[in-house]
Amino acid sequence: LLFALPRNILVNTHKKKPSITLRHIQTTRLLCECELYATSNYEYDSEMKEVMENFNRQTSERFLEYDEKIQDKRKQCKEQ
């Protein structure tokens, strides 16, 4: 009789759902064009124009380097 009560408690605790509930937080990412960030706002700003030109130049150089590396790797794979 003394052991029946603790055993009953253990059996009932396994049937319960966990008390911690996980909530799924949905994140949304939206792309929008705001007039605040439009390129027309930077056309007359010489500093920003220079930064944009520098960025475009560097990215185009990186893409060219990447294309050259990919072509070299393709040649190596074909030769094997």
N, C-alpha and C. Protein backbone atom coordinates (compact mmCIF):
# COMPACT_ATOMS: atom_id res chain seq x y z
N LEU A 1 0.82 -1.19 0.00
CA LEU A 1 0.00 0.00 0.00
C LEU A 1 0.87 1.27 0.00
N LEU A 2 2.00 1.24 0.67
CA LEU A 2 2.88 2.40 0.70
C LEU A 2 3.57 2.62 -0.64
N PHE A 3 3.86 1.55 -1.35
CA PHE A 3 4.55 1.69 -2.63
C PHE A 3 3.60 2.02 -3.78
N ALA A 4 2.33 1.81 -3.60
CA ALA A 4 1.36 2.04 -4.67
C ALA A 4 1.23 3.53 -4.98
N LEU A 5 1.25 4.36 -4.00
CA LEU A 5 1.09 5.80 -4.21
C LEU A 5 2.26 6.41 -4.99
N PRO A 6 3.53 6.18 -4.61
CA PRO A 6 4.63 6.76 -5.40
C PRO A 6 4.67 6.22 -6.82
N ARG A 7 4.35 4.95 -7.00
CA ARG A 7 4.36 4.38 -8.34
C ARG A 7 3.28 5.04 -9.20
N ASN A 8 2.15 5.30 -8.62
CA ASN A 8 1.07 5.95 -9.33
C ASN A 8 1.46 7.37 -9.74
N ILE A 9 2.19 8.07 -8.91
CA ILE A 9 2.64 9.43 -9.22
C ILE A 9 3.60 9.39 -10.40
N LEU A 10 4.53 8.45 -10.40
CA LEU A 10 5.49 8.34 -11.50
C LEU A 10 4.81 8.02 -12.82
N VAL A 11 3.82 7.18 -12.80
CA VAL A 11 3.11 6.82 -14.02
C VAL A 11 2.36 8.02 -14.57
N ASN A 12 1.74 8.78 -13.73
CA ASN A 12 0.96 9.93 -14.18
C ASN A 12 1.83 11.08 -14.68
N THR A 13 3.02 11.24 -14.16
CA THR A 13 3.86 12.34 -14.58
C THR A 13 4.38 12.13 -15.99
N HIS A 14 4.53 10.90 -16.44
CA HIS A 14 5.02 10.65 -17.79
C HIS A 14 3.95 10.91 -18.84
N LYS A 15 2.72 10.89 -18.46
CA LYS A 15 1.64 11.10 -19.42
C LYS A 15 1.40 12.57 -19.73
N LYS A 16 1.83 13.43 -18.86
CA LYS A 16 1.57 14.85 -19.05
C LYS A 16 2.47 15.41 -20.14
N LYS A 17 1.97 16.42 -20.79
CA LYS A 17 2.76 17.12 -21.81
C LYS A 17 3.78 18.00 -21.10
N PRO A 18 4.89 18.27 -21.76
CA PRO A 18 5.89 19.14 -21.12
C PRO A 18 5.31 20.54 -20.89
N SER A 19 5.75 21.13 -19.81
CA SER A 19 5.22 22.44 -19.44
C SER A 19 5.82 23.56 -20.30
N ILE A 20 6.93 23.27 -20.96
CA ILE A 20 7.57 24.28 -21.79
C ILE A 20 6.99 24.17 -23.20
N THR A 21 6.43 25.23 -23.68
CA THR A 21 5.91 25.24 -25.04
C THR A 21 6.79 26.15 -25.88
N LEU A 22 7.21 25.63 -27.01
CA LEU A 22 8.05 26.40 -27.91
C LEU A 22 7.17 27.16 -28.89
N ARG A 23 7.44 28.40 -29.03
CA ARG A 23 6.68 29.22 -29.97
C ARG A 23 7.54 29.49 -31.19
N HIS A 24 6.93 29.35 -32.34
CA HIS A 24 7.62 29.65 -33.59
C HIS A 24 7.43 31.13 -33.90
N ILE A 25 8.52 31.84 -33.94
CA ILE A 25 8.47 33.27 -34.25
C ILE A 25 8.77 33.43 -35.73
N GLN A 26 7.80 33.92 -36.45
CA GLN A 26 7.96 34.08 -37.87
C GLN A 26 8.68 35.39 -38.16
N THR A 27 9.73 35.31 -38.95
CA THR A 27 10.45 36.51 -39.33
C THR A 27 10.15 36.79 -40.80
N THR A 28 9.92 38.01 -41.10
CA THR A 28 9.66 38.39 -42.49
C THR A 28 10.71 39.39 -42.92
N ARG A 29 11.14 39.21 -44.14
CA ARG A 29 12.10 40.14 -44.72
C ARG A 29 11.46 40.75 -45.96
N LEU A 30 11.44 42.03 -45.99
CA LEU A 30 10.82 42.72 -47.10
C LEU A 30 11.84 43.65 -47.74
N LEU A 31 11.85 43.64 -49.05
CA LEU A 31 12.69 44.58 -49.78
C LEU A 31 11.79 45.70 -50.28
N CYS A 32 12.18 46.90 -49.99
CA CYS A 32 11.37 48.02 -50.46
C CYS A 32 12.29 49.12 -50.96
N GLU A 33 11.81 49.83 -51.92
CA GLU A 33 12.55 50.98 -52.42
C GLU A 33 11.98 52.22 -51.77
N CYS A 34 12.79 52.85 -51.00
CA CYS A 34 12.37 54.09 -50.35
C CYS A 34 13.05 55.25 -51.07
N GLU A 35 12.39 56.36 -51.11
CA GLU A 35 13.00 57.52 -51.74
C GLU A 35 14.21 58.00 -50.97
N LEU A 36 14.25 57.63 -49.70
CA LEU A 36 15.38 58.02 -48.87
C LEU A 36 16.68 57.42 -49.40
N TYR A 37 16.61 56.18 -49.92
CA TYR A 37 17.80 55.48 -50.38
C TYR A 37 17.89 55.43 -51.90
N ALA A 38 17.11 56.18 -52.59
CA ALA A 38 17.14 56.18 -54.05
C ALA A 38 18.47 56.75 -54.53
N THR A 39 18.93 56.26 -55.68
CA THR A 39 20.22 56.72 -56.20
C THR A 39 20.16 58.19 -56.61
N SER A 40 18.97 58.68 -56.91
CA SER A 40 18.88 60.09 -57.32
C SER A 40 19.30 61.03 -56.20
N ASN A 41 19.19 60.59 -54.97
CA ASN A 41 19.61 61.42 -53.84
C ASN A 41 21.13 61.55 -53.76
N TYR A 42 21.85 60.60 -54.37
CA TYR A 42 23.30 60.60 -54.28
C TYR A 42 23.97 61.13 -55.54
N GLU A 43 23.21 61.47 -56.55
CA GLU A 43 23.81 61.90 -57.81
C GLU A 43 24.64 63.17 -57.65
N TYR A 44 24.22 64.05 -56.78
CA TYR A 44 24.91 65.32 -56.63
C TYR A 44 25.88 65.33 -55.46
N ASP A 45 25.97 64.22 -54.76
CA ASP A 45 26.90 64.11 -53.64
C ASP A 45 28.18 63.48 -54.17
N SER A 46 29.22 64.28 -54.28
CA SER A 46 30.46 63.80 -54.90
C SER A 46 31.12 62.69 -54.09
N GLU A 47 31.04 62.78 -52.77
CA GLU A 47 31.64 61.73 -51.93
C GLU A 47 30.94 60.40 -52.14
N MET A 48 29.63 60.44 -52.14
CA MET A 48 28.86 59.21 -52.29
C MET A 48 29.02 58.64 -53.70
N LYS A 49 29.11 59.51 -54.67
CA LYS A 49 29.31 59.07 -56.05
C LYS A 49 30.65 58.33 -56.17
N GLU A 50 31.66 58.85 -55.53
CA GLU A 50 32.98 58.21 -55.54
C GLU A 50 32.93 56.85 -54.85
N VAL A 51 32.22 56.77 -53.74
CA VAL A 51 32.09 55.50 -53.02
C VAL A 51 31.38 54.47 -53.89
N MET A 52 30.32 54.89 -54.57
CA MET A 52 29.57 53.97 -55.43
C MET A 52 30.41 53.50 -56.60
N GLU A 53 31.16 54.40 -57.21
CA GLU A 53 32.03 54.02 -58.33
C GLU A 53 33.11 53.05 -57.86
N ASN A 54 33.68 53.30 -56.70
CA ASN A 54 34.70 52.42 -56.14
C ASN A 54 34.12 51.04 -55.87
N PHE A 55 32.93 50.99 -55.30
CA PHE A 55 32.27 49.71 -55.03
C PHE A 55 32.02 48.95 -56.33
N ASN A 56 31.49 49.63 -57.33
CA ASN A 56 31.22 48.98 -58.62
C ASN A 56 32.50 48.45 -59.26
N ARG A 57 33.56 49.23 -59.18
CA ARG A 57 34.84 48.80 -59.76
C ARG A 57 35.37 47.56 -59.05
N GLN A 58 35.34 47.58 -57.71
CA GLN A 58 35.86 46.44 -56.94
C GLN A 58 35.03 45.18 -57.16
N THR A 59 33.73 45.32 -57.21
CA THR A 59 32.90 44.12 -57.42
C THR A 59 33.09 43.56 -58.81
N SER A 60 33.22 44.41 -59.81
CA SER A 60 33.43 43.90 -61.16
C SER A 60 34.79 43.19 -61.26
N GLU A 61 35.81 43.72 -60.58
CA GLU A 61 37.12 43.05 -60.55
C GLU A 61 37.01 41.68 -59.89
N ARG A 62 36.28 41.61 -58.79
CA ARG A 62 36.12 40.33 -58.09
C ARG A 62 35.39 39.32 -58.96
N PHE A 63 34.37 39.77 -59.68
CA PHE A 63 33.65 38.85 -60.56
C PHE A 63 34.54 38.35 -61.69
N LEU A 64 35.37 39.22 -62.22
CA LEU A 64 36.29 38.79 -63.27
C LEU A 64 37.29 37.76 -62.74
N GLU A 65 37.83 38.01 -61.55
CA GLU A 65 38.75 37.05 -60.94
C GLU A 65 38.06 35.72 -60.68
N TYR A 66 36.84 35.78 -60.23
CA TYR A 66 36.08 34.55 -59.96
C TYR A 66 35.86 33.78 -61.26
N ASP A 67 35.49 34.47 -62.32
CA ASP A 67 35.28 33.81 -63.61
C ASP A 67 36.55 33.13 -64.10
N GLU A 68 37.69 33.81 -63.94
CA GLU A 68 38.96 33.22 -64.36
C GLU A 68 39.27 31.96 -63.56
N LYS A 69 39.04 32.01 -62.25
CA LYS A 69 39.30 30.83 -61.42
C LYS A 69 38.40 29.67 -61.81
N ILE A 70 37.14 29.96 -62.07
CA ILE A 70 36.20 28.90 -62.46
C ILE A 70 36.62 28.29 -63.79
N GLN A 71 37.03 29.11 -64.74
CA GLN A 71 37.46 28.58 -66.04
C GLN A 71 38.70 27.70 -65.88
N ASP A 72 39.63 28.12 -65.03
CA ASP A 72 40.83 27.31 -64.79
C ASP A 72 40.46 25.97 -64.15
N LYS A 73 39.56 25.99 -63.20
CA LYS A 73 39.15 24.75 -62.54
C LYS A 73 38.44 23.82 -63.52
N ARG A 74 37.63 24.38 -64.40
CA ARG A 74 36.94 23.56 -65.40
C ARG A 74 37.93 22.91 -66.35
N LYS A 75 38.96 23.67 -66.75
CA LYS A 75 39.99 23.11 -67.62
C LYS A 75 40.72 21.96 -66.92
N GLN A 76 41.04 22.15 -65.64
CA GLN A 76 41.74 21.11 -64.89
C GLN A 76 40.88 19.86 -64.77
N CYS A 77 39.59 20.04 -64.56
CA CYS A 77 38.70 18.88 -64.44
C CYS A 77 38.57 18.15 -65.76
N LYS A 78 38.54 18.88 -66.87
CA LYS A 78 38.42 18.25 -68.19
C LYS A 78 39.69 17.48 -68.54
N GLU A 79 40.84 17.99 -68.11
CA GLU A 79 42.12 17.35 -68.41
C GLU A 79 42.30 16.05 -67.64
N GLN A 80 41.65 15.92 -66.50
CA GLN A 80 41.84 14.72 -65.68
C GLN A 80 41.12 13.57 -66.23
